């Protein structure tokens, strides 16, 4: 139930004017919308202040419900570096005999350092290719 801001009388939601004093009810609704806009503005500015202070990503997500973009770690670069080096060794091993052994070792290191499923899969595939070429070098 709504109340008139002028006289305090009860007003049903479908009425646009107060039955007691004749005051237009729309002004109260407009002030309600402005109040909501102010609350949103305050929440956004509070979120920006929290971000400036340096709170963690999880705290920002829980407190505001707005996910923050997570910056990638330098460790991801180091993990993928081992996998890439193992792939280079595998490719070189196709032309240089027994170079595949280094590729297998580096693929194992890349597998142990990788945290993502993609990195682990790439390291496994590199190790398989390196093992294949190493066996080829031993047999032929």
N, C-alpha and C. Protein backbone atom coordinates (compact mmCIF):
# COMPACT_ATOMS: atom_id res chain seq x y z
N UNK A 1 0.84 -1.18 0.00
CA UNK A 1 0.00 0.00 0.00
C UNK A 1 0.89 1.24 0.00
N UNK A 2 0.52 2.24 -0.81
CA UNK A 2 1.26 3.49 -0.89
C UNK A 2 0.56 4.55 -0.04
N UNK A 3 1.32 5.58 0.28
CA UNK A 3 0.78 6.71 1.02
C UNK A 3 1.11 7.99 0.28
N UNK A 4 0.22 8.93 0.36
CA UNK A 4 0.41 10.23 -0.28
C UNK A 4 1.51 10.99 0.45
N UNK A 5 2.41 11.59 -0.31
CA UNK A 5 3.49 12.36 0.31
C UNK A 5 3.00 13.72 0.82
N UNK A 6 1.82 14.15 0.37
CA UNK A 6 1.29 15.46 0.77
C UNK A 6 0.48 15.35 2.07
N UNK A 7 -0.51 14.42 2.09
CA UNK A 7 -1.40 14.35 3.25
C UNK A 7 -1.23 13.08 4.07
N UNK A 8 -0.55 12.08 3.54
CA UNK A 8 -0.34 10.84 4.27
C UNK A 8 -1.46 9.84 4.10
N UNK A 9 -2.43 10.14 3.26
CA UNK A 9 -3.55 9.23 3.05
C UNK A 9 -3.14 8.02 2.23
N UNK A 10 -3.90 6.92 2.43
CA UNK A 10 -3.61 5.70 1.70
C UNK A 10 -4.04 5.84 0.24
N UNK A 11 -3.18 5.34 -0.66
CA UNK A 11 -3.45 5.42 -2.09
C UNK A 11 -3.19 4.04 -2.68
N UNK A 12 -4.12 3.54 -3.49
CA UNK A 12 -3.89 2.27 -4.16
C UNK A 12 -2.90 2.49 -5.31
N UNK A 13 -2.27 1.41 -5.73
CA UNK A 13 -1.19 1.54 -6.71
C UNK A 13 -1.67 1.98 -8.09
N UNK A 14 -2.93 1.73 -8.45
CA UNK A 14 -3.38 2.12 -9.79
C UNK A 14 -3.80 3.58 -9.89
N UNK A 15 -3.98 4.27 -8.77
CA UNK A 15 -4.39 5.68 -8.80
C UNK A 15 -3.20 6.59 -9.09
N UNK A 16 -3.47 7.66 -9.85
CA UNK A 16 -2.43 8.63 -10.15
C UNK A 16 -2.55 9.87 -9.28
N UNK A 17 -3.72 10.05 -8.64
CA UNK A 17 -3.95 11.20 -7.77
C UNK A 17 -4.46 10.72 -6.42
N UNK A 18 -4.12 11.44 -5.36
CA UNK A 18 -4.56 11.10 -4.01
C UNK A 18 -6.06 11.39 -3.91
N UNK A 19 -6.88 10.43 -3.41
CA UNK A 19 -8.32 10.67 -3.27
C UNK A 19 -8.63 11.67 -2.16
N UNK A 20 -7.72 11.87 -1.21
CA UNK A 20 -7.98 12.79 -0.10
C UNK A 20 -7.68 14.24 -0.47
N UNK A 21 -6.48 14.49 -1.03
CA UNK A 21 -6.07 15.87 -1.28
C UNK A 21 -5.92 16.20 -2.77
N UNK A 22 -5.89 15.20 -3.64
CA UNK A 22 -5.78 15.45 -5.07
C UNK A 22 -4.35 15.60 -5.57
N UNK A 23 -3.37 15.39 -4.71
CA UNK A 23 -1.95 15.50 -5.10
C UNK A 23 -1.60 14.39 -6.09
N UNK A 24 -0.78 14.72 -7.08
CA UNK A 24 -0.37 13.74 -8.09
C UNK A 24 0.62 12.75 -7.46
N UNK A 25 0.36 11.46 -7.64
CA UNK A 25 1.18 10.40 -7.03
C UNK A 25 2.44 10.14 -7.85
N UNK A 26 2.47 10.51 -9.10
CA UNK A 26 3.60 10.25 -9.99
C UNK A 26 4.89 10.85 -9.44
N UNK A 27 4.82 11.97 -8.75
CA UNK A 27 6.03 12.60 -8.21
C UNK A 27 6.73 11.69 -7.22
N UNK A 28 5.95 10.94 -6.44
CA UNK A 28 6.55 10.01 -5.48
C UNK A 28 7.27 8.89 -6.21
N UNK A 29 6.70 8.45 -7.33
CA UNK A 29 7.34 7.39 -8.10
C UNK A 29 8.63 7.90 -8.73
N UNK A 30 8.62 9.13 -9.23
CA UNK A 30 9.83 9.69 -9.82
C UNK A 30 10.93 9.80 -8.78
N UNK A 31 10.58 10.22 -7.58
CA UNK A 31 11.61 10.33 -6.55
C UNK A 31 12.12 8.95 -6.18
N UNK A 32 11.28 7.91 -6.27
CA UNK A 32 11.72 6.54 -6.01
C UNK A 32 12.72 6.08 -7.06
N UNK A 33 12.48 6.44 -8.32
CA UNK A 33 13.40 6.09 -9.38
C UNK A 33 14.73 6.81 -9.18
N UNK A 34 14.66 8.08 -8.80
CA UNK A 34 15.89 8.82 -8.54
C UNK A 34 16.65 8.22 -7.36
N UNK A 35 15.90 7.73 -6.36
CA UNK A 35 16.53 7.10 -5.21
C UNK A 35 17.27 5.83 -5.64
N UNK A 36 16.65 5.04 -6.51
CA UNK A 36 17.30 3.83 -7.00
C UNK A 36 18.55 4.17 -7.81
N UNK A 37 18.47 5.22 -8.63
CA UNK A 37 19.64 5.64 -9.40
C UNK A 37 20.78 6.04 -8.47
N UNK A 38 20.45 6.74 -7.38
CA UNK A 38 21.49 7.14 -6.42
C UNK A 38 22.12 5.91 -5.78
N UNK A 39 21.30 4.91 -5.42
CA UNK A 39 21.83 3.69 -4.81
C UNK A 39 22.77 2.96 -5.77
N UNK A 40 22.39 2.90 -7.04
CA UNK A 40 23.24 2.24 -8.03
C UNK A 40 24.55 3.00 -8.18
N UNK A 41 24.46 4.33 -8.24
CA UNK A 41 25.67 5.15 -8.37
C UNK A 41 26.58 4.95 -7.16
N UNK A 42 26.01 4.90 -5.96
CA UNK A 42 26.81 4.68 -4.75
C UNK A 42 27.47 3.31 -4.77
N UNK A 43 26.72 2.28 -5.22
CA UNK A 43 27.28 0.93 -5.25
C UNK A 43 28.44 0.85 -6.25
N UNK A 44 28.29 1.49 -7.39
CA UNK A 44 29.35 1.47 -8.40
C UNK A 44 30.58 2.22 -7.89
N UNK A 45 30.37 3.39 -7.28
CA UNK A 45 31.52 4.14 -6.77
C UNK A 45 32.20 3.38 -5.63
N UNK A 46 31.41 2.70 -4.80
CA UNK A 46 31.98 1.89 -3.72
C UNK A 46 32.80 0.74 -4.31
N UNK A 47 32.29 0.15 -5.37
CA UNK A 47 33.02 -0.94 -6.04
C UNK A 47 34.36 -0.43 -6.57
N UNK A 48 34.35 0.75 -7.19
CA UNK A 48 35.60 1.31 -7.72
C UNK A 48 36.57 1.64 -6.59
N UNK A 49 36.07 2.11 -5.46
CA UNK A 49 36.95 2.38 -4.32
C UNK A 49 37.56 1.09 -3.80
N UNK A 50 36.75 0.03 -3.74
CA UNK A 50 37.25 -1.25 -3.27
C UNK A 50 38.32 -1.78 -4.22
N UNK A 51 38.10 -1.59 -5.51
CA UNK A 51 39.08 -2.05 -6.49
C UNK A 51 40.38 -1.26 -6.34
N UNK A 52 40.28 0.02 -6.04
CA UNK A 52 41.46 0.86 -5.90
C UNK A 52 42.28 0.46 -4.68
N UNK A 53 41.59 0.00 -3.63
CA UNK A 53 42.29 -0.41 -2.42
C UNK A 53 43.09 -1.68 -2.67
N UNK A 54 42.61 -2.53 -3.59
CA UNK A 54 43.36 -3.73 -3.93
C UNK A 54 42.80 -4.99 -3.31
N UNK A 55 41.50 -5.07 -3.12
CA UNK A 55 40.90 -6.30 -2.59
C UNK A 55 41.03 -7.40 -3.63
N UNK A 56 40.93 -8.63 -3.16
CA UNK A 56 41.11 -9.75 -4.08
C UNK A 56 39.90 -9.92 -4.97
N UNK A 57 40.08 -10.69 -6.02
CA UNK A 57 39.02 -10.91 -7.00
C UNK A 57 37.80 -11.56 -6.36
N UNK A 58 38.01 -12.56 -5.54
CA UNK A 58 36.88 -13.25 -4.92
C UNK A 58 36.11 -12.31 -4.00
N UNK A 59 36.80 -11.48 -3.25
CA UNK A 59 36.11 -10.53 -2.37
C UNK A 59 35.26 -9.57 -3.18
N UNK A 60 35.79 -9.06 -4.29
CA UNK A 60 35.03 -8.14 -5.13
C UNK A 60 33.82 -8.82 -5.73
N UNK A 61 33.96 -10.07 -6.15
CA UNK A 61 32.83 -10.77 -6.75
C UNK A 61 31.75 -11.02 -5.72
N UNK A 62 32.13 -11.46 -4.52
CA UNK A 62 31.14 -11.76 -3.48
C UNK A 62 30.48 -10.49 -2.98
N UNK A 63 31.24 -9.42 -2.77
CA UNK A 63 30.66 -8.21 -2.19
C UNK A 63 29.80 -7.44 -3.17
N UNK A 64 30.15 -7.43 -4.44
CA UNK A 64 29.40 -6.62 -5.40
C UNK A 64 28.62 -7.44 -6.41
N UNK A 65 28.94 -8.70 -6.57
CA UNK A 65 28.27 -9.52 -7.56
C UNK A 65 28.74 -9.23 -8.97
N UNK A 66 29.78 -8.43 -9.13
CA UNK A 66 30.31 -8.09 -10.45
C UNK A 66 31.67 -8.75 -10.59
N UNK A 67 31.82 -9.71 -11.52
CA UNK A 67 33.12 -10.37 -11.66
C UNK A 67 34.16 -9.42 -12.21
N UNK A 68 35.36 -9.55 -11.69
CA UNK A 68 36.49 -8.72 -12.13
C UNK A 68 37.32 -9.52 -13.11
N UNK A 69 37.86 -8.86 -14.12
CA UNK A 69 38.74 -9.55 -15.05
C UNK A 69 39.99 -9.96 -14.30
N UNK A 70 40.36 -11.22 -14.46
CA UNK A 70 41.52 -11.76 -13.76
C UNK A 70 42.72 -11.66 -14.68
N UNK A 71 43.77 -11.04 -14.18
CA UNK A 71 44.99 -10.92 -14.96
C UNK A 71 45.72 -12.25 -14.96
N UNK A 72 46.31 -12.58 -16.12
CA UNK A 72 47.02 -13.84 -16.22
C UNK A 72 48.35 -13.76 -15.50
N UNK A 73 48.72 -14.87 -14.96
CA UNK A 73 49.95 -15.01 -14.21
C UNK A 73 51.14 -15.12 -15.15
N UNK A 74 52.30 -14.75 -14.66
CA UNK A 74 53.51 -15.00 -15.44
C UNK A 74 53.84 -16.48 -15.45
N UNK A 75 53.33 -17.22 -14.44
CA UNK A 75 53.62 -18.65 -14.38
C UNK A 75 53.01 -19.39 -15.56
N UNK A 76 51.88 -18.90 -16.10
CA UNK A 76 51.29 -19.53 -17.29
C UNK A 76 52.25 -19.44 -18.47
N UNK A 77 52.94 -18.31 -18.58
CA UNK A 77 53.91 -18.15 -19.66
C UNK A 77 55.07 -19.14 -19.49
N UNK A 78 55.52 -19.32 -18.26
CA UNK A 78 56.62 -20.24 -18.00
C UNK A 78 56.21 -21.68 -18.27
N UNK A 79 54.95 -22.01 -17.91
CA UNK A 79 54.46 -23.37 -18.15
C UNK A 79 54.40 -23.66 -19.63
N UNK A 80 53.84 -22.74 -20.39
CA UNK A 80 53.72 -22.98 -21.83
C UNK A 80 55.09 -22.93 -22.51
N UNK A 81 56.05 -22.23 -21.90
CA UNK A 81 57.38 -22.16 -22.47
C UNK A 81 58.00 -23.56 -22.55
N UNK A 82 57.86 -24.36 -21.50
CA UNK A 82 58.42 -25.71 -21.50
C UNK A 82 57.79 -26.57 -22.59
N UNK A 83 56.49 -26.44 -22.76
CA UNK A 83 55.80 -27.23 -23.78
C UNK A 83 56.26 -26.81 -25.17
N UNK A 84 56.39 -25.51 -25.41
CA UNK A 84 56.84 -25.02 -26.71
C UNK A 84 58.27 -25.47 -27.01
N UNK A 85 59.13 -25.42 -26.02
CA UNK A 85 60.51 -25.86 -26.23
C UNK A 85 60.55 -27.35 -26.55
N UNK A 86 59.70 -28.13 -25.88
CA UNK A 86 59.67 -29.56 -26.18
C UNK A 86 59.20 -29.81 -27.61
N UNK A 87 58.23 -29.03 -28.09
CA UNK A 87 57.77 -29.16 -29.47
C UNK A 87 58.88 -28.79 -30.46
N UNK A 88 59.64 -27.77 -30.14
CA UNK A 88 60.76 -27.39 -31.01
C UNK A 88 61.78 -28.53 -31.07
N UNK A 89 62.05 -29.14 -29.92
CA UNK A 89 62.99 -30.26 -29.89
C UNK A 89 62.47 -31.44 -30.69
N UNK A 90 61.16 -31.67 -30.64
CA UNK A 90 60.57 -32.76 -31.43
C UNK A 90 60.76 -32.48 -32.92
N UNK A 91 60.52 -31.23 -33.33
CA UNK A 91 60.69 -30.89 -34.74
C UNK A 91 62.15 -31.00 -35.19
N UNK A 92 63.05 -30.55 -34.33
CA UNK A 92 64.48 -30.67 -34.66
C UNK A 92 64.87 -32.14 -34.68
N UNK A 93 64.27 -32.92 -33.79
CA UNK A 93 64.57 -34.35 -33.71
C UNK A 93 64.17 -35.13 -34.94
N UNK A 94 63.28 -34.58 -35.75
CA UNK A 94 62.95 -35.28 -37.00
C UNK A 94 64.12 -35.25 -37.98
N UNK A 95 65.03 -34.30 -37.82
CA UNK A 95 66.18 -34.18 -38.72
C UNK A 95 67.49 -34.55 -38.04
N UNK A 96 67.61 -34.31 -36.75
CA UNK A 96 68.85 -34.58 -36.01
C UNK A 96 68.62 -35.81 -35.13
N UNK A 97 69.37 -36.87 -35.34
CA UNK A 97 69.17 -38.09 -34.56
C UNK A 97 69.36 -37.86 -33.05
N UNK A 98 68.55 -38.53 -32.28
CA UNK A 98 68.59 -38.55 -30.82
C UNK A 98 68.31 -37.20 -30.16
N UNK A 99 67.90 -36.23 -30.90
CA UNK A 99 67.49 -34.95 -30.32
C UNK A 99 66.11 -35.07 -29.67
N UNK A 100 65.40 -36.15 -30.05
CA UNK A 100 64.07 -36.39 -29.50
C UNK A 100 64.11 -36.70 -28.01
N UNK A 101 65.24 -37.27 -27.55
CA UNK A 101 65.36 -37.57 -26.13
C UNK A 101 65.21 -36.29 -25.30
N UNK A 102 65.81 -35.21 -25.76
CA UNK A 102 65.68 -33.91 -25.07
C UNK A 102 64.23 -33.45 -25.11
N UNK A 103 63.56 -33.69 -26.25
CA UNK A 103 62.15 -33.34 -26.37
C UNK A 103 61.29 -34.08 -25.38
N UNK A 104 61.59 -35.37 -25.14
CA UNK A 104 60.83 -36.15 -24.16
C UNK A 104 61.03 -35.58 -22.77
N UNK A 105 62.28 -35.30 -22.41
CA UNK A 105 62.57 -34.76 -21.08
C UNK A 105 61.86 -33.42 -20.87
N UNK A 106 61.95 -32.54 -21.87
CA UNK A 106 61.30 -31.23 -21.74
C UNK A 106 59.77 -31.35 -21.73
N UNK A 107 59.22 -32.32 -22.45
CA UNK A 107 57.77 -32.53 -22.42
C UNK A 107 57.32 -32.99 -21.04
N UNK A 108 58.13 -33.83 -20.41
CA UNK A 108 57.80 -34.28 -19.04
C UNK A 108 57.86 -33.10 -18.08
N UNK A 109 58.88 -32.26 -18.20
CA UNK A 109 58.98 -31.07 -17.35
C UNK A 109 57.78 -30.16 -17.60
N UNK A 110 57.42 -29.96 -18.88
CA UNK A 110 56.27 -29.14 -19.21
C UNK A 110 54.98 -29.70 -18.65
N UNK A 111 54.85 -31.03 -18.65
CA UNK A 111 53.65 -31.66 -18.09
C UNK A 111 53.55 -31.42 -16.59
N UNK A 112 54.68 -31.55 -15.89
CA UNK A 112 54.63 -31.37 -14.43
C UNK A 112 54.39 -29.91 -14.04
N UNK A 113 54.83 -28.98 -14.87
CA UNK A 113 54.65 -27.56 -14.55
C UNK A 113 53.30 -27.02 -15.02
N UNK A 114 52.68 -27.67 -15.99
CA UNK A 114 51.42 -27.16 -16.55
C UNK A 114 50.29 -27.34 -15.55
N UNK A 115 49.46 -26.30 -15.43
CA UNK A 115 48.29 -26.38 -14.56
C UNK A 115 47.01 -26.55 -15.36
N UNK A 116 47.01 -26.08 -16.59
CA UNK A 116 45.80 -26.18 -17.41
C UNK A 116 45.77 -27.53 -18.12
N UNK A 117 44.55 -27.95 -18.44
CA UNK A 117 44.38 -29.22 -19.13
C UNK A 117 44.98 -29.16 -20.53
N UNK A 118 44.85 -28.02 -21.17
CA UNK A 118 45.40 -27.85 -22.51
C UNK A 118 46.92 -27.98 -22.50
N UNK A 119 47.57 -27.37 -21.52
CA UNK A 119 49.02 -27.47 -21.41
C UNK A 119 49.49 -28.89 -21.17
N UNK A 120 48.76 -29.61 -20.31
CA UNK A 120 49.12 -31.01 -20.03
C UNK A 120 48.94 -31.86 -21.29
N UNK A 121 47.84 -31.64 -22.01
CA UNK A 121 47.60 -32.41 -23.23
C UNK A 121 48.66 -32.13 -24.29
N UNK A 122 49.06 -30.88 -24.44
CA UNK A 122 50.09 -30.53 -25.41
C UNK A 122 51.42 -31.19 -25.05
N UNK A 123 51.73 -31.24 -23.76
CA UNK A 123 52.97 -31.88 -23.32
C UNK A 123 52.94 -33.39 -23.57
N UNK A 124 51.79 -34.01 -23.33
CA UNK A 124 51.66 -35.46 -23.58
C UNK A 124 51.84 -35.75 -25.07
N UNK A 125 51.20 -34.95 -25.91
CA UNK A 125 51.31 -35.17 -27.36
C UNK A 125 52.76 -34.96 -27.82
N UNK A 126 53.43 -33.95 -27.27
CA UNK A 126 54.83 -33.72 -27.63
C UNK A 126 55.69 -34.91 -27.21
N UNK A 127 55.44 -35.46 -26.03
CA UNK A 127 56.22 -36.61 -25.56
C UNK A 127 55.98 -37.83 -26.45
N UNK A 128 54.74 -38.02 -26.88
CA UNK A 128 54.42 -39.16 -27.76
C UNK A 128 55.15 -39.02 -29.10
N UNK A 129 55.08 -37.84 -29.68
CA UNK A 129 55.79 -37.63 -30.95
C UNK A 129 57.29 -37.80 -30.78
N UNK A 130 57.83 -37.27 -29.69
CA UNK A 130 59.27 -37.39 -29.45
C UNK A 130 59.66 -38.86 -29.27
N UNK A 131 58.84 -39.61 -28.55
CA UNK A 131 59.13 -41.04 -28.35
C UNK A 131 59.06 -41.79 -29.68
N UNK A 132 58.09 -41.45 -30.51
CA UNK A 132 57.99 -42.08 -31.83
C UNK A 132 59.25 -41.84 -32.66
N UNK A 133 59.70 -40.59 -32.71
CA UNK A 133 60.89 -40.28 -33.51
C UNK A 133 62.16 -40.88 -32.89
N UNK A 134 62.20 -40.98 -31.55
CA UNK A 134 63.35 -41.60 -30.90
C UNK A 134 63.42 -43.09 -31.25
N UNK A 135 62.27 -43.76 -31.23
CA UNK A 135 62.24 -45.18 -31.60
C UNK A 135 62.65 -45.34 -33.07
N UNK A 136 62.18 -44.45 -33.92
CA UNK A 136 62.56 -44.49 -35.34
C UNK A 136 64.07 -44.34 -35.48
N UNK A 137 64.66 -43.42 -34.70
CA UNK A 137 66.12 -43.22 -34.76
C UNK A 137 66.87 -44.46 -34.29
N UNK A 138 66.35 -45.13 -33.27
CA UNK A 138 67.01 -46.32 -32.74
C UNK A 138 66.93 -47.50 -33.72
N UNK A 139 65.80 -47.63 -34.39
CA UNK A 139 65.60 -48.77 -35.28
C UNK A 139 66.22 -48.57 -36.66
N UNK A 140 66.27 -47.37 -37.14
CA UNK A 140 66.74 -47.14 -38.52
C UNK A 140 67.99 -46.35 -38.52
